[in-house]
Amino acid sequence: MKAGTSSFFERVYEVVIHIPQGKVTSYGAIARYLGSGGSSRMVGWAMNSSHNFSSKIPAHRVINRNGLLTGKHHFSTPTLMQELLENEGIAVVDDQVQNFEQLFWDPAKELNE
């Protein structure tokens, strides 16, 4: 992906819209893919603002590197993130995605540059 004139948040959203249903990725994986490995927190901020950009951005599919739903408090209800994941067949126990390694979607492997 080329930086071009798009903002960092827009570049994050361009990655996130490609996460398939039933898969998850991490803030760090997105940051690394964008060439900003130390910007995981910025990816989190982008996810927190994604509802202002478009309702089509599946922010619920972006979790932390340990499979935890650390962004759940930024949804309209504290359980919505989990509910959206479970609706896609993803098991969540105690705010943690089960089988995280099998469900992990790595943009560096899945998206062409």
C-alpha atoms as a PDB file:
ATOM      1  CA  MET A   1       0.000   0.000   0.000  1.00  0.00           C
ATOM      2  CA  LYS A   2       1.342   3.401  -0.889  1.00  0.00           C
ATOM      3  CA  ALA A   3       0.976   6.327   1.490  1.00  0.00           C
ATOM      4  CA  GLY A   4      -0.065   8.794  -1.216  1.00  0.00           C
ATOM      5  CA  THR A   5      -2.070  11.698   0.076  1.00  0.00           C
ATOM      6  CA  SER A   6      -4.352   9.715   2.367  1.00  0.00           C
ATOM      7  CA  SER A   7      -4.165  10.207   6.106  1.00  0.00           C
ATOM      8  CA  PHE A   8      -2.881   7.487   8.407  1.00  0.00           C
ATOM      9  CA  PHE A   9      -6.432   6.838   9.656  1.00  0.00           C
ATOM     10  CA  GLU A  10      -7.694   6.428   6.088  1.00  0.00           C
ATOM     11  CA  ARG A  11      -4.865   4.005   5.344  1.00  0.00           C
ATOM     12  CA  VAL A  12      -5.834   2.007   8.445  1.00  0.00           C
ATOM     13  CA  TYR A  13      -9.467   1.896   7.288  1.00  0.00           C
ATOM     14  CA  GLU A  14      -8.365   0.685   3.838  1.00  0.00           C
ATOM     15  CA  VAL A  15      -6.757  -2.321   5.553  1.00  0.00           C
ATOM     16  CA  VAL A  16      -9.562  -2.988   8.028  1.00  0.00           C
ATOM     17  CA  ILE A  17     -12.291  -3.168   5.390  1.00  0.00           C
ATOM     18  CA  HIS A  18     -10.457  -6.191   3.939  1.00  0.00           C
ATOM     19  CA  ILE A  19     -10.544  -8.279   7.131  1.00  0.00           C
ATOM     20  CA  PRO A  20     -12.822 -11.196   6.251  1.00  0.00           C
ATOM     21  CA  GLN A  21     -15.869 -12.040   8.302  1.00  0.00           C
ATOM     22  CA  GLY A  22     -14.931 -14.567  10.978  1.00  0.00           C
ATOM     23  CA  LYS A  23     -11.310 -13.354  11.160  1.00  0.00           C
ATOM     24  CA  VAL A  24      -9.497 -10.891  13.420  1.00  0.00           C
ATOM     25  CA  THR A  25      -6.258  -8.951  13.304  1.00  0.00           C
ATOM     26  CA  SER A  26      -4.269  -6.845  15.713  1.00  0.00           C
ATOM     27  CA  TYR A  27      -3.460  -3.172  15.977  1.00  0.00           C
ATOM     28  CA  GLY A  28       0.228  -4.045  15.621  1.00  0.00           C
ATOM     29  CA  ALA A  29      -0.248  -6.162  12.498  1.00  0.00           C
ATOM     30  CA  ILE A  30      -1.979  -3.249  10.790  1.00  0.00           C
ATOM     31  CA  ALA A  31       0.704  -0.800  11.934  1.00  0.00           C
ATOM     32  CA  ARG A  32       3.490  -3.089  10.660  1.00  0.00           C
ATOM     33  CA  TYR A  33       1.736  -3.537   7.322  1.00  0.00           C
ATOM     34  CA  LEU A  34       1.545   0.238   6.947  1.00  0.00           C
ATOM     35  CA  GLY A  35       5.263   0.554   7.672  1.00  0.00           C
ATOM     36  CA  SER A  36       4.719   2.098  11.102  1.00  0.00           C
ATOM     37  CA  GLY A  37       5.422  -0.796  13.439  1.00  0.00           C
ATOM     38  CA  GLY A  38       5.508   1.449  16.492  1.00  0.00           C
ATOM     39  CA  SER A  39       2.099   2.963  15.760  1.00  0.00           C
ATOM     40  CA  SER A  40      -0.213   0.331  17.241  1.00  0.00           C
ATOM     41  CA  ARG A  41      -1.751   2.946  19.514  1.00  0.00           C
ATOM     42  CA  MET A  42      -2.452   5.178  16.496  1.00  0.00           C
ATOM     43  CA  VAL A  43      -4.276   2.265  14.868  1.00  0.00           C
ATOM     44  CA  GLY A  44      -6.349   2.029  18.059  1.00  0.00           C
ATOM     45  CA  TRP A  45      -7.192   5.713  17.824  1.00  0.00           C
ATOM     46  CA  ALA A  46      -8.220   5.193  14.222  1.00  0.00           C
ATOM     47  CA  MET A  47     -10.512   2.359  15.288  1.00  0.00           C
ATOM     48  CA  ASN A  48     -12.013   4.560  18.014  1.00  0.00           C
ATOM     49  CA  SER A  49     -12.820   7.180  15.358  1.00  0.00           C
ATOM     50  CA  SER A  50     -13.915   4.777  12.637  1.00  0.00           C
ATOM     51  CA  HIS A  51     -17.634   5.221  13.356  1.00  0.00           C
ATOM     52  CA  ASN A  52     -17.224   8.890  12.361  1.00  0.00           C
ATOM     53  CA  PHE A  53     -15.729   7.851   9.025  1.00  0.00           C
ATOM     54  CA  SER A  54     -17.982   5.015   7.869  1.00  0.00           C
ATOM     55  CA  SER A  55     -20.297   2.435   9.342  1.00  0.00           C
ATOM     56  CA  LYS A  56     -18.802  -0.142   6.941  1.00  0.00           C
ATOM     57  CA  ILE A  57     -15.491  -0.377   8.804  1.00  0.00           C
ATOM     58  CA  PRO A  58     -15.494  -3.634  10.826  1.00  0.00           C
ATOM     59  CA  ALA A  59     -13.619  -2.175  13.820  1.00  0.00           C
ATOM     60  CA  HIS A  60     -14.802  -5.092  15.969  1.00  0.00           C
ATOM     61  CA  ARG A  61     -12.358  -7.346  14.083  1.00  0.00           C
ATOM     62  CA  VAL A  62      -9.324  -5.424  15.368  1.00  0.00           C
ATOM     63  CA  ILE A  63      -8.107  -6.600  18.763  1.00  0.00           C
ATOM     64  CA  ASN A  64      -4.869  -6.559  20.718  1.00  0.00           C
ATOM     65  CA  ARG A  65      -1.913  -8.876  20.123  1.00  0.00           C
ATOM     66  CA  ASN A  66      -3.074 -11.235  22.874  1.00  0.00           C
ATOM     67  CA  GLY A  67      -6.568 -11.612  21.452  1.00  0.00           C
ATOM     68  CA  LEU A  68      -8.192  -9.296  23.994  1.00  0.00           C
ATOM     69  CA  LEU A  69     -11.090  -6.978  23.205  1.00  0.00           C
ATOM     70  CA  THR A  70      -9.307  -3.904  24.524  1.00  0.00           C
ATOM     71  CA  GLY A  71     -11.376  -1.564  22.351  1.00  0.00           C
ATOM     72  CA  LYS A  72     -14.771  -2.751  23.571  1.00  0.00           C
ATOM     73  CA  HIS A  73     -15.414   0.382  25.623  1.00  0.00           C
ATOM     74  CA  HIS A  74     -15.430   2.484  22.471  1.00  0.00           C
ATOM     75  CA  PHE A  75     -18.518   0.761  21.083  1.00  0.00           C
ATOM     76  CA  SER A  76     -22.039   1.981  21.824  1.00  0.00           C
ATOM     77  CA  THR A  77     -22.393  -0.691  24.528  1.00  0.00           C
ATOM     78  CA  PRO A  78     -19.638  -2.570  26.393  1.00  0.00           C
ATOM     79  CA  THR A  79     -20.844  -5.890  24.957  1.00  0.00           C
ATOM     80  CA  LEU A  80     -21.376  -4.868  21.324  1.00  0.00           C
ATOM     81  CA  MET A  81     -17.857  -5.744  20.146  1.00  0.00           C
ATOM     82  CA  GLN A  82     -18.192  -9.272  21.548  1.00  0.00           C
ATOM     83  CA  GLU A  83     -21.701  -9.644  20.138  1.00  0.00           C
ATOM     84  CA  LEU A  84     -20.537  -8.652  16.652  1.00  0.00           C
ATOM     85  CA  LEU A  85     -17.664 -11.151  16.793  1.00  0.00           C
ATOM     86  CA  GLU A  86     -19.926 -13.922  18.088  1.00  0.00           C
ATOM     87  CA  ASN A  87     -22.394 -13.190  15.270  1.00  0.00           C
ATOM     88  CA  GLU A  88     -19.517 -14.081  12.924  1.00  0.00           C
ATOM     89  CA  GLY A  89     -18.887 -17.373  14.713  1.00  0.00           C
ATOM     90  CA  ILE A  90     -15.948 -16.167  16.811  1.00  0.00           C
ATOM     91  CA  ALA A  91     -15.965 -17.466  20.385  1.00  0.00           C
ATOM     92  CA  VAL A  92     -15.095 -14.899  23.056  1.00  0.00           C
ATOM     93  CA  VAL A  93     -14.555 -15.828  26.712  1.00  0.00           C
ATOM     94  CA  ASP A  94     -13.694 -13.217  29.350  1.00  0.00           C
ATOM     95  CA  ASP A  95     -13.060 -10.602  26.639  1.00  0.00           C
ATOM     96  CA  GLN A  96     -10.587 -12.881  24.842  1.00  0.00           C
ATOM     97  CA  VAL A  97     -10.967 -14.369  21.369  1.00  0.00           C
ATOM     98  CA  GLN A  98     -10.654 -18.132  21.518  1.00  0.00           C
ATOM     99  CA  ASN A  99      -8.468 -19.825  18.889  1.00  0.00           C
ATOM    100  CA  PHE A 100      -6.851 -16.463  18.194  1.00  0.00           C
ATOM    101  CA  GLU A 101      -3.955 -17.977  16.232  1.00  0.00           C
ATOM    102  CA  GLN A 102      -6.302 -19.840  13.866  1.00  0.00           C
ATOM    103  CA  LEU A 103      -8.523 -16.784  13.347  1.00  0.00           C
ATOM    104  CA  PHE A 104      -5.679 -14.299  12.920  1.00  0.00           C
ATOM    105  CA  TRP A 105      -5.647 -12.464   9.592  1.00  0.00           C
ATOM    106  CA  ASP A 106      -2.265 -10.945   8.755  1.00  0.00           C
ATOM    107  CA  PRO A 107      -2.500  -8.074   6.270  1.00  0.00           C
ATOM    108  CA  ALA A 108       1.166  -8.518   5.351  1.00  0.00           C
ATOM    109  CA  LYS A 109       0.364 -11.999   4.041  1.00  0.00           C
ATOM    110  CA  GLU A 110      -3.140 -11.356   2.716  1.00  0.00           C
ATOM    111  CA  LEU A 111      -2.877  -8.010   0.942  1.00  0.00           C
ATOM    112  CA  ASN A 112      -0.727  -7.217  -2.050  1.00  0.00           C
ATOM    113  CA  GLU A 113       1.354  -4.087  -1.862  1.00  0.00           C
END
